């Protein structure tokens, strides 16, 4: 591999992959090298620009913590997250569509009973959620795990509030009953900007993009015999539905958040402020095989 120039280096690198034993890895690496080299030649990439890219990726990794995943933010804002979801999670007609996972899920959400107030003190107007999980023929899916999380009225997730420590709020895990139903009290989601204090924020500013996500509630649902679902239910009327910074909105995922005057809530409690209700049905395809 001597006397390599800008035209012959790609083939030299591809030849070095000849001993790759995994056919899939060889396919992916061959395509990656080919496209990356073509990109560098196409834009006549300078050494300073490539060093800046390395510095950017290094800073992205350094920004990651146990509760902040800057690489997921980067993937989301470049549209790669939604592209891989579109490639791998095509749903049959009538099934609930998937969307991005997001960087703020945690594995330690409290397990609660039906009717619980999962907001646990998070600021925001009260909201009462009633959801049904069913299969493609309308059958109720009992004992499905429903993992839900959201930002508060200030646009912050619990993990973005250092004052909370390890306390969790505005997130919970529930199990569907025999009717495939779950119900809980929370707060109305609001639009919020993704974190812009890291490399991804600098990239958005440099490219003239806003950092806003439309208001939404996250759901991750798992049930034996059915395909898992990771999705959002967006709030109708939000100003950012058509410009979501992570490209995650689907028309079928815009829910009907209904506002009510102060008074008696669905759980029988009396609410002194306006409150909202959300009734939502999730349809899971059956698992293959």
C-alpha atoms as a PDB file:
ATOM      1  CA  UNK A   1       0.000   0.000   0.000  1.00  0.00           C
ATOM      2  CA  UNK A   2       2.582   2.525  -1.140  1.00  0.00           C
ATOM      3  CA  UNK A   3       2.167   5.642  -3.230  1.00  0.00           C
ATOM      4  CA  UNK A   4      -1.493   6.032  -2.250  1.00  0.00           C
ATOM      5  CA  UNK A   5      -3.187   9.204  -3.422  1.00  0.00           C
ATOM      6  CA  UNK A   6      -6.633  10.753  -3.023  1.00  0.00           C
ATOM      7  CA  UNK A   7      -8.047   8.482  -5.719  1.00  0.00           C
ATOM      8  CA  UNK A   8      -6.544   5.141  -4.701  1.00  0.00           C
ATOM      9  CA  UNK A   9      -6.792   5.333  -0.919  1.00  0.00           C
ATOM     10  CA  UNK A  10     -10.424   4.228  -0.828  1.00  0.00           C
ATOM     11  CA  UNK A  11      -9.703   0.950  -2.570  1.00  0.00           C
ATOM     12  CA  UNK A  12      -6.721   0.379  -0.282  1.00  0.00           C
ATOM     13  CA  UNK A  13      -8.897   0.769   2.806  1.00  0.00           C
ATOM     14  CA  UNK A  14     -11.558  -1.508   1.351  1.00  0.00           C
ATOM     15  CA  UNK A  15      -8.944  -4.179   0.653  1.00  0.00           C
ATOM     16  CA  UNK A  16      -7.869  -3.969   4.297  1.00  0.00           C
ATOM     17  CA  UNK A  17     -11.392  -5.086   5.252  1.00  0.00           C
ATOM     18  CA  UNK A  18     -11.156  -8.292   3.261  1.00  0.00           C
ATOM     19  CA  UNK A  19     -10.584 -10.406   6.359  1.00  0.00           C
ATOM     20  CA  UNK A  20     -13.745  -9.244   8.140  1.00  0.00           C
ATOM     21  CA  UNK A  21     -15.527 -12.442   9.145  1.00  0.00           C
ATOM     22  CA  UNK A  22     -18.957 -10.897   9.718  1.00  0.00           C
ATOM     23  CA  UNK A  23     -20.650 -10.366   6.353  1.00  0.00           C
ATOM     24  CA  UNK A  24     -22.922  -7.674   7.782  1.00  0.00           C
ATOM     25  CA  UNK A  25     -20.052  -5.791   9.417  1.00  0.00           C
ATOM     26  CA  UNK A  26     -18.097  -5.964   6.161  1.00  0.00           C
ATOM     27  CA  UNK A  27     -21.087  -4.589   4.249  1.00  0.00           C
ATOM     28  CA  UNK A  28     -21.590  -1.719   6.692  1.00  0.00           C
ATOM     29  CA  UNK A  29     -17.904  -0.803   6.917  1.00  0.00           C
ATOM     30  CA  UNK A  30     -17.438  -0.971   3.132  1.00  0.00           C
ATOM     31  CA  UNK A  31     -20.351   1.382   2.560  1.00  0.00           C
ATOM     32  CA  UNK A  32     -19.262   3.699   5.376  1.00  0.00           C
ATOM     33  CA  UNK A  33     -15.714   4.040   4.083  1.00  0.00           C
ATOM     34  CA  UNK A  34     -16.884   4.514   0.500  1.00  0.00           C
ATOM     35  CA  UNK A  35     -19.408   7.236   1.359  1.00  0.00           C
ATOM     36  CA  UNK A  36     -17.112   8.967   3.845  1.00  0.00           C
ATOM     37  CA  UNK A  37     -14.257   9.139   1.369  1.00  0.00           C
ATOM     38  CA  UNK A  38     -16.599  10.332  -1.400  1.00  0.00           C
ATOM     39  CA  UNK A  39     -17.910  13.025   0.943  1.00  0.00           C
ATOM     40  CA  UNK A  40     -14.387  14.240   1.747  1.00  0.00           C
ATOM     41  CA  UNK A  41     -13.501  14.437  -1.941  1.00  0.00           C
ATOM     42  CA  UNK A  42     -16.820  16.079  -2.843  1.00  0.00           C
ATOM     43  CA  UNK A  43     -16.422  18.992  -0.405  1.00  0.00           C
ATOM     44  CA  UNK A  44     -12.600  19.081  -0.663  1.00  0.00           C
ATOM     45  CA  UNK A  45     -12.391  18.651   3.105  1.00  0.00           C
ATOM     46  CA  UNK A  46      -9.496  20.510   4.715  1.00  0.00           C
ATOM     47  CA  UNK A  47      -7.357  19.208   7.566  1.00  0.00           C
ATOM     48  CA  UNK A  48      -8.618  21.988   9.839  1.00  0.00           C
ATOM     49  CA  UNK A  49     -12.221  21.071   9.044  1.00  0.00           C
ATOM     50  CA  UNK A  50     -11.611  17.396   9.770  1.00  0.00           C
ATOM     51  CA  UNK A  51      -9.917  18.305  13.059  1.00  0.00           C
ATOM     52  CA  UNK A  52     -12.928  20.470  13.922  1.00  0.00           C
ATOM     53  CA  UNK A  53     -15.174  17.462  13.248  1.00  0.00           C
ATOM     54  CA  UNK A  54     -13.045  15.278  15.537  1.00  0.00           C
ATOM     55  CA  UNK A  55     -13.157  17.964  18.229  1.00  0.00           C
ATOM     56  CA  UNK A  56     -16.953  18.184  17.834  1.00  0.00           C
ATOM     57  CA  UNK A  57     -17.420  14.430  18.277  1.00  0.00           C
ATOM     58  CA  UNK A  58     -15.025  14.398  21.212  1.00  0.00           C
ATOM     59  CA  UNK A  59     -16.983  17.194  22.895  1.00  0.00           C
ATOM     60  CA  UNK A  60     -20.228  15.329  22.184  1.00  0.00           C
ATOM     61  CA  UNK A  61     -18.945  12.289  24.037  1.00  0.00           C
ATOM     62  CA  UNK A  62     -17.618  14.391  26.900  1.00  0.00           C
ATOM     63  CA  UNK A  63     -21.056  16.016  27.317  1.00  0.00           C
ATOM     64  CA  UNK A  64     -22.709  12.636  27.902  1.00  0.00           C
ATOM     65  CA  UNK A  65     -23.608  11.639  31.463  1.00  0.00           C
ATOM     66  CA  UNK A  66     -25.807   9.016  33.063  1.00  0.00           C
ATOM     67  CA  UNK A  67     -28.786  11.332  32.510  1.00  0.00           C
ATOM     68  CA  UNK A  68     -27.731  13.291  29.391  1.00  0.00           C
ATOM     69  CA  UNK A  69     -27.075  11.562  26.079  1.00  0.00           C
ATOM     70  CA  UNK A  70     -25.620  14.132  23.689  1.00  0.00           C
ATOM     71  CA  UNK A  71     -25.045  11.521  20.981  1.00  0.00           C
ATOM     72  CA  UNK A  72     -28.777  10.720  20.946  1.00  0.00           C
ATOM     73  CA  UNK A  73     -29.453  14.451  20.587  1.00  0.00           C
ATOM     74  CA  UNK A  74     -27.020  14.560  17.671  1.00  0.00           C
ATOM     75  CA  UNK A  75     -28.618  11.533  16.034  1.00  0.00           C
ATOM     76  CA  UNK A  76     -32.092  13.003  16.578  1.00  0.00           C
ATOM     77  CA  UNK A  77     -31.296  16.462  15.208  1.00  0.00           C
ATOM     78  CA  UNK A  78     -29.601  15.034  12.107  1.00  0.00           C
ATOM     79  CA  UNK A  79     -32.686  12.936  11.377  1.00  0.00           C
ATOM     80  CA  UNK A  80     -30.794   9.651  11.691  1.00  0.00           C
ATOM     81  CA  UNK A  81     -32.911   8.452  14.614  1.00  0.00           C
ATOM     82  CA  UNK A  82     -36.171   8.866  12.705  1.00  0.00           C
ATOM     83  CA  UNK A  83     -34.617   7.423   9.542  1.00  0.00           C
ATOM     84  CA  UNK A  84     -33.628   4.215  11.321  1.00  0.00           C
ATOM     85  CA  UNK A  85     -37.084   4.037  12.917  1.00  0.00           C
ATOM     86  CA  UNK A  86     -38.728   4.442   9.497  1.00  0.00           C
ATOM     87  CA  UNK A  87     -36.472   1.722   8.079  1.00  0.00           C
ATOM     88  CA  UNK A  88     -37.026  -0.743  10.924  1.00  0.00           C
ATOM     89  CA  UNK A  89     -40.444  -0.029  12.402  1.00  0.00           C
ATOM     90  CA  UNK A  90     -42.874   0.130   9.530  1.00  0.00           C
ATOM     91  CA  UNK A  91     -46.306  -0.616  11.004  1.00  0.00           C
ATOM     92  CA  UNK A  92     -49.305  -2.279   9.380  1.00  0.00           C
ATOM     93  CA  UNK A  93     -52.377  -0.150   8.757  1.00  0.00           C
ATOM     94  CA  UNK A  94     -54.124   0.742  11.981  1.00  0.00           C
ATOM     95  CA  UNK A  95     -51.119   0.179  14.240  1.00  0.00           C
ATOM     96  CA  UNK A  96     -49.737   3.059  16.300  1.00  0.00           C
ATOM     97  CA  UNK A  97     -46.679   4.603  14.690  1.00  0.00           C
ATOM     98  CA  UNK A  98     -43.299   4.731  16.392  1.00  0.00           C
ATOM     99  CA  UNK A  99     -41.145   7.797  16.896  1.00  0.00           C
ATOM    100  CA  UNK A 100     -37.881   8.772  18.579  1.00  0.00           C
ATOM    101  CA  UNK A 101     -36.833   7.445  21.977  1.00  0.00           C
ATOM    102  CA  UNK A 102     -35.268  10.713  23.133  1.00  0.00           C
ATOM    103  CA  UNK A 103     -32.378  11.269  25.544  1.00  0.00           C
ATOM    104  CA  UNK A 104     -34.266  11.549  28.859  1.00  0.00           C
ATOM    105  CA  UNK A 105     -35.687   8.101  29.563  1.00  0.00           C
ATOM    106  CA  UNK A 106     -34.508   6.475  32.780  1.00  0.00           C
ATOM    107  CA  UNK A 107     -34.679   2.878  33.891  1.00  0.00           C
ATOM    108  CA  UNK A 108     -35.698   3.685  37.458  1.00  0.00           C
ATOM    109  CA  UNK A 109     -39.169   5.196  37.045  1.00  0.00           C
ATOM    110  CA  UNK A 110     -41.505   4.309  39.935  1.00  0.00           C
ATOM    111  CA  UNK A 111     -44.058   1.541  39.395  1.00  0.00           C
ATOM    112  CA  UNK A 112     -47.477   2.929  40.307  1.00  0.00           C
ATOM    113  CA  UNK A 113     -51.097   1.828  40.509  1.00  0.00           C
ATOM    114  CA  UNK A 114     -53.920   3.070  38.331  1.00  0.00           C
ATOM    115  CA  UNK A 115     -55.069   6.573  39.171  1.00  0.00           C
ATOM    116  CA  UNK A 116     -51.726   7.624  40.662  1.00  0.00           C
ATOM    117  CA  UNK A 117     -50.518  11.201  40.336  1.00  0.00           C
ATOM    118  CA  UNK A 118     -47.265  10.585  38.473  1.00  0.00           C
ATOM    119  CA  UNK A 119     -46.439  14.314  38.351  1.00  0.00           C
ATOM    120  CA  UNK A 120     -45.350  13.996  41.983  1.00  0.00           C
ATOM    121  CA  UNK A 121     -45.131  17.760  42.396  1.00  0.00           C
ATOM    122  CA  UNK A 122     -43.877  18.723  38.925  1.00  0.00           C
ATOM    123  CA  UNK A 123     -45.236  22.148  37.895  1.00  0.00           C
ATOM    124  CA  UNK A 124     -48.042  22.305  35.357  1.00  0.00           C
ATOM    125  CA  UNK A 125     -51.787  22.238  34.889  1.00  0.00           C
ATOM    126  CA  UNK A 126     -53.378  18.939  35.902  1.00  0.00           C
ATOM    127  CA  UNK A 127     -54.051  16.352  33.208  1.00  0.00           C
ATOM    128  CA  UNK A 128     -55.943  13.076  33.475  1.00  0.00           C
ATOM    129  CA  UNK A 129     -54.880  10.360  31.045  1.00  0.00           C
ATOM    130  CA  UNK A 130     -56.880   7.277  30.108  1.00  0.00           C
ATOM    131  CA  UNK A 131     -55.226   4.886  27.654  1.00  0.00           C
ATOM    132  CA  UNK A 132     -56.200   1.587  26.084  1.00  0.00           C
ATOM    133  CA  UNK A 133     -53.668  -0.896  24.714  1.00  0.00           C
ATOM    134  CA  UNK A 134     -55.063  -3.357  22.205  1.00  0.00           C
ATOM    135  CA  UNK A 135     -54.045  -5.727  19.438  1.00  0.00           C
ATOM    136  CA  UNK A 136     -54.725  -5.495  15.706  1.00  0.00           C
ATOM    137  CA  UNK A 137     -58.178  -7.122  16.007  1.00  0.00           C
ATOM    138  CA  UNK A 138     -59.237  -4.857  18.849  1.00  0.00           C
ATOM    139  CA  UNK A 139     -58.435  -7.398  21.543  1.00  0.00           C
ATOM    140  CA  UNK A 140     -57.505  -5.977  24.932  1.00  0.00           C
ATOM    141  CA  UNK A 141     -53.873  -6.523  25.914  1.00  0.00           C
ATOM    142  CA  UNK A 142     -53.791  -7.184  29.638  1.00  0.00           C
ATOM    143  CA  UNK A 143     -50.656  -6.818  31.773  1.00  0.00           C
ATOM    144  CA  UNK A 144     -48.835  -4.713  29.183  1.00  0.00           C
ATOM    145  CA  UNK A 145     -46.049  -2.574  30.614  1.00  0.00           C
ATOM    146  CA  UNK A 146     -46.688   1.119  29.960  1.00  0.00           C
ATOM    147  CA  UNK A 147     -43.669   3.327  30.637  1.00  0.00           C
ATOM    148  CA  UNK A 148     -44.525   7.038  30.459  1.00  0.00           C
ATOM    149  CA  UNK A 149     -42.389  10.173  30.934  1.00  0.00           C
ATOM    150  CA  UNK A 150     -42.574  13.867  30.124  1.00  0.00           C
ATOM    151  CA  UNK A 151     -41.208  17.356  30.700  1.00  0.00           C
ATOM    152  CA  UNK A 152     -42.844  19.737  33.171  1.00  0.00           C
ATOM    153  CA  UNK A 153     -44.395  23.159  32.583  1.00  0.00           C
ATOM    154  CA  UNK A 154     -40.916  24.713  32.545  1.00  0.00           C
ATOM    155  CA  UNK A 155     -39.869  22.392  29.718  1.00  0.00           C
ATOM    156  CA  UNK A 156     -37.555  20.371  31.969  1.00  0.00           C
ATOM    157  CA  UNK A 157     -37.370  16.670  32.716  1.00  0.00           C
ATOM    158  CA  UNK A 158     -36.659  15.607  36.278  1.00  0.00           C
ATOM    159  CA  UNK A 159     -33.112  14.582  35.327  1.00  0.00           C
ATOM    160  CA  UNK A 160     -32.465  18.172  34.212  1.00  0.00           C
ATOM    161  CA  UNK A 161     -33.166  19.482  37.712  1.00  0.00           C
ATOM    162  CA  UNK A 162     -30.088  18.994  39.925  1.00  0.00           C
ATOM    163  CA  UNK A 163     -32.088  20.014  42.994  1.00  0.00           C
ATOM    164  CA  UNK A 164     -34.109  16.797  42.708  1.00  0.00           C
ATOM    165  CA  UNK A 165     -31.102  14.513  43.044  1.00  0.00           C
ATOM    166  CA  UNK A 166     -32.199  10.963  42.246  1.00  0.00           C
ATOM    167  CA  UNK A 167     -35.888  11.713  42.841  1.00  0.00           C
ATOM    168  CA  UNK A 168     -38.155  10.906  39.908  1.00  0.00           C
ATOM    169  CA  UNK A 169     -41.272  12.785  38.872  1.00  0.00           C
ATOM    170  CA  UNK A 170     -43.468  13.131  35.785  1.00  0.00           C
ATOM    171  CA  UNK A 171     -42.569   9.563  34.877  1.00  0.00           C
ATOM    172  CA  UNK A 172     -43.894   6.149  35.904  1.00  0.00           C
ATOM    173  CA  UNK A 173     -44.470   2.550  34.867  1.00  0.00           C
ATOM    174  CA  UNK A 174     -47.976   1.045  34.950  1.00  0.00           C
ATOM    175  CA  UNK A 175     -49.556  -2.279  33.973  1.00  0.00           C
ATOM    176  CA  UNK A 176     -52.734  -2.524  31.928  1.00  0.00           C
ATOM    177  CA  UNK A 177     -55.766  -4.160  33.533  1.00  0.00           C
ATOM    178  CA  UNK A 178     -57.953  -6.885  32.010  1.00  0.00           C
ATOM    179  CA  UNK A 179     -59.480  -4.312  29.647  1.00  0.00           C
ATOM    180  CA  UNK A 180     -56.036  -3.228  28.434  1.00  0.00           C
ATOM    181  CA  UNK A 181     -56.488   0.085  30.229  1.00  0.00           C
ATOM    182  CA  UNK A 182     -54.304   2.375  32.303  1.00  0.00           C
ATOM    183  CA  UNK A 183     -55.227   5.694  33.871  1.00  0.00           C
ATOM    184  CA  UNK A 184     -53.170   8.250  35.727  1.00  0.00           C
ATOM    185  CA  UNK A 185     -52.950  11.907  36.645  1.00  0.00           C
ATOM    186  CA  UNK A 186     -50.070  14.043  35.410  1.00  0.00           C
ATOM    187  CA  UNK A 187     -49.530  17.545  34.028  1.00  0.00           C
ATOM    188  CA  UNK A 188     -50.132  19.060  30.615  1.00  0.00           C
ATOM    189  CA  UNK A 189     -46.988  18.809  28.463  1.00  0.00           C
ATOM    190  CA  UNK A 190     -45.557  22.005  27.005  1.00  0.00           C
ATOM    191  CA  UNK A 191     -43.185  22.704  24.135  1.00  0.00           C
ATOM    192  CA  UNK A 192     -39.544  22.903  25.133  1.00  0.00           C
ATOM    193  CA  UNK A 193     -36.101  23.436  23.600  1.00  0.00           C
ATOM    194  CA  UNK A 194     -33.659  20.555  23.615  1.00  0.00           C
ATOM    195  CA  UNK A 195     -30.478  21.350  25.588  1.00  0.00           C
ATOM    196  CA  UNK A 196     -28.341  23.850  23.693  1.00  0.00           C
ATOM    197  CA  UNK A 197     -25.428  24.138  26.114  1.00  0.00           C
ATOM    198  CA  UNK A 198     -23.368  21.513  24.284  1.00  0.00           C
ATOM    199  CA  UNK A 199     -22.020  20.689  20.821  1.00  0.00           C
ATOM    200  CA  UNK A 200     -25.470  19.930  19.384  1.00  0.00           C
ATOM    201  CA  UNK A 201     -26.715  23.356  20.444  1.00  0.00           C
ATOM    202  CA  UNK A 202     -23.736  24.976  18.758  1.00  0.00           C
ATOM    203  CA  UNK A 203     -24.437  22.990  15.597  1.00  0.00           C
ATOM    204  CA  UNK A 204     -28.076  24.155  15.576  1.00  0.00           C
ATOM    205  CA  UNK A 205     -27.041  27.787  16.030  1.00  0.00           C
ATOM    206  CA  UNK A 206     -24.423  27.550  13.290  1.00  0.00           C
ATOM    207  CA  UNK A 207     -26.972  26.156  10.842  1.00  0.00           C
ATOM    208  CA  UNK A 208     -29.741  28.621  11.733  1.00  0.00           C
ATOM    209  CA  UNK A 209     -32.077  26.041  13.280  1.00  0.00           C
ATOM    210  CA  UNK A 210     -34.343  26.423  16.296  1.00  0.00           C
ATOM    211  CA  UNK A 211     -34.086  23.876  19.149  1.00  0.00           C
ATOM    212  CA  UNK A 212     -37.801  23.414  19.896  1.00  0.00           C
ATOM    213  CA  UNK A 213     -39.813  20.239  20.311  1.00  0.00           C
ATOM    214  CA  UNK A 214     -43.630  20.359  20.281  1.00  0.00           C
ATOM    215  CA  UNK A 215     -45.373  19.373  23.516  1.00  0.00           C
ATOM    216  CA  UNK A 216     -45.680  15.611  23.926  1.00  0.00           C
ATOM    217  CA  UNK A 217     -46.025  12.685  26.271  1.00  0.00           C
ATOM    218  CA  UNK A 218     -43.619   9.742  25.862  1.00  0.00           C
ATOM    219  CA  UNK A 219     -44.902   6.165  25.885  1.00  0.00           C
ATOM    220  CA  UNK A 220     -42.976   2.908  25.713  1.00  0.00           C
ATOM    221  CA  UNK A 221     -45.221  -0.156  25.710  1.00  0.00           C
ATOM    222  CA  UNK A 222     -44.241  -3.817  25.921  1.00  0.00           C
ATOM    223  CA  UNK A 223     -46.488  -6.883  25.988  1.00  0.00           C
ATOM    224  CA  UNK A 224     -45.886 -10.592  25.477  1.00  0.00           C
ATOM    225  CA  UNK A 225     -46.800 -11.688  21.966  1.00  0.00           C
ATOM    226  CA  UNK A 226     -46.808  -8.177  20.520  1.00  0.00           C
ATOM    227  CA  UNK A 227     -44.238  -5.857  18.983  1.00  0.00           C
ATOM    228  CA  UNK A 228     -42.920  -3.236  21.423  1.00  0.00           C
ATOM    229  CA  UNK A 229     -43.781   0.396  20.783  1.00  0.00           C
ATOM    230  CA  UNK A 230     -41.851   3.587  21.533  1.00  0.00           C
ATOM    231  CA  UNK A 231     -43.817   6.681  20.638  1.00  0.00           C
ATOM    232  CA  UNK A 232     -45.088  10.131  21.639  1.00  0.00           C
ATOM    233  CA  UNK A 233     -48.548  11.626  21.798  1.00  0.00           C
ATOM    234  CA  UNK A 234     -48.199  15.236  20.691  1.00  0.00           C
ATOM    235  CA  UNK A 235     -50.438  18.080  21.832  1.00  0.00           C
ATOM    236  CA  UNK A 236     -52.673  19.361  19.070  1.00  0.00           C
ATOM    237  CA  UNK A 237     -52.313  23.028  18.160  1.00  0.00           C
ATOM    238  CA  UNK A 238     -48.661  23.259  19.151  1.00  0.00           C
ATOM    239  CA  UNK A 239     -46.729  25.831  17.124  1.00  0.00           C
ATOM    240  CA  UNK A 240     -43.820  23.440  16.511  1.00  0.00           C
ATOM    241  CA  UNK A 241     -45.679  20.423  15.130  1.00  0.00           C
ATOM    242  CA  UNK A 242     -44.413  21.195  11.634  1.00  0.00           C
ATOM    243  CA  UNK A 243     -40.850  22.079  12.635  1.00  0.00           C
ATOM    244  CA  UNK A 244     -39.903  19.557  15.326  1.00  0.00           C
ATOM    245  CA  UNK A 245     -36.134  19.806  15.747  1.00  0.00           C
ATOM    246  CA  UNK A 246     -35.844  15.998  15.804  1.00  0.00           C
ATOM    247  CA  UNK A 247     -38.337  15.327  12.958  1.00  0.00           C
ATOM    248  CA  UNK A 248     -40.453  13.075  15.181  1.00  0.00           C
ATOM    249  CA  UNK A 249     -44.022  14.236  14.492  1.00  0.00           C
ATOM    250  CA  UNK A 250     -46.517  11.999  12.699  1.00  0.00           C
ATOM    251  CA  UNK A 251     -50.088  13.163  12.081  1.00  0.00           C
ATOM    252  CA  UNK A 252     -51.438   9.973  13.635  1.00  0.00           C
ATOM    253  CA  UNK A 253     -49.604  10.773  16.874  1.00  0.00           C
ATOM    254  CA  UNK A 254     -51.299  14.142  17.481  1.00  0.00           C
ATOM    255  CA  UNK A 255     -53.670  13.537  20.378  1.00  0.00           C
ATOM    256  CA  UNK A 256     -56.838  15.287  21.495  1.00  0.00           C
ATOM    257  CA  UNK A 257     -55.884  17.149  24.662  1.00  0.00           C
ATOM    258  CA  UNK A 258     -59.212  18.547  25.912  1.00  0.00           C
ATOM    259  CA  UNK A 259     -59.285  21.551  28.242  1.00  0.00           C
ATOM    260  CA  UNK A 260     -61.894  21.718  31.018  1.00  0.00           C
ATOM    261  CA  UNK A 261     -62.980  24.491  33.364  1.00  0.00           C
ATOM    262  CA  UNK A 262     -62.247  24.090  37.078  1.00  0.00           C
ATOM    263  CA  UNK A 263     -64.492  21.486  38.628  1.00  0.00           C
ATOM    264  CA  UNK A 264     -64.848  17.757  39.086  1.00  0.00           C
ATOM    265  CA  UNK A 265     -62.144  15.711  37.375  1.00  0.00           C
ATOM    266  CA  UNK A 266     -62.552  12.206  35.900  1.00  0.00           C
ATOM    267  CA  UNK A 267     -61.229  10.633  39.106  1.00  0.00           C
ATOM    268  CA  UNK A 268     -63.848  12.420  41.191  1.00  0.00           C
ATOM    269  CA  UNK A 269     -61.492  14.961  42.692  1.00  0.00           C
ATOM    270  CA  UNK A 270     -62.302  18.665  42.598  1.00  0.00           C
ATOM    271  CA  UNK A 271     -59.721  20.723  40.706  1.00  0.00           C
ATOM    272  CA  UNK A 272     -59.532  24.459  41.372  1.00  0.00           C
ATOM    273  CA  UNK A 273     -57.678  25.247  38.131  1.00  0.00           C
ATOM    274  CA  UNK A 274     -58.391  24.437  34.502  1.00  0.00           C
ATOM    275  CA  UNK A 275     -57.412  20.858  33.730  1.00  0.00           C
ATOM    276  CA  UNK A 276     -57.000  18.652  30.684  1.00  0.00           C
ATOM    277  CA  UNK A 277     -57.981  15.125  29.717  1.00  0.00           C
ATOM    278  CA  UNK A 278     -56.367  12.840  27.177  1.00  0.00           C
ATOM    279  CA  UNK A 279     -57.981   9.628  25.951  1.00  0.00           C
ATOM    280  CA  UNK A 280     -55.684   7.571  23.767  1.00  0.00           C
ATOM    281  CA  UNK A 281     -55.736   4.125  22.153  1.00  0.00           C
ATOM    282  CA  UNK A 282     -52.529   2.290  21.265  1.00  0.00           C
ATOM    283  CA  UNK A 283     -52.599  -0.584  18.789  1.00  0.00           C
ATOM    284  CA  UNK A 284     -49.704  -3.059  18.829  1.00  0.00           C
ATOM    285  CA  UNK A 285     -49.012  -5.478  15.950  1.00  0.00           C
ATOM    286  CA  UNK A 286     -48.436  -9.082  16.866  1.00  0.00           C
ATOM    287  CA  UNK A 287     -44.857 -10.234  17.243  1.00  0.00           C
ATOM    288  CA  UNK A 288     -43.479 -12.208  14.279  1.00  0.00           C
ATOM    289  CA  UNK A 289     -43.679 -15.983  14.473  1.00  0.00           C
END
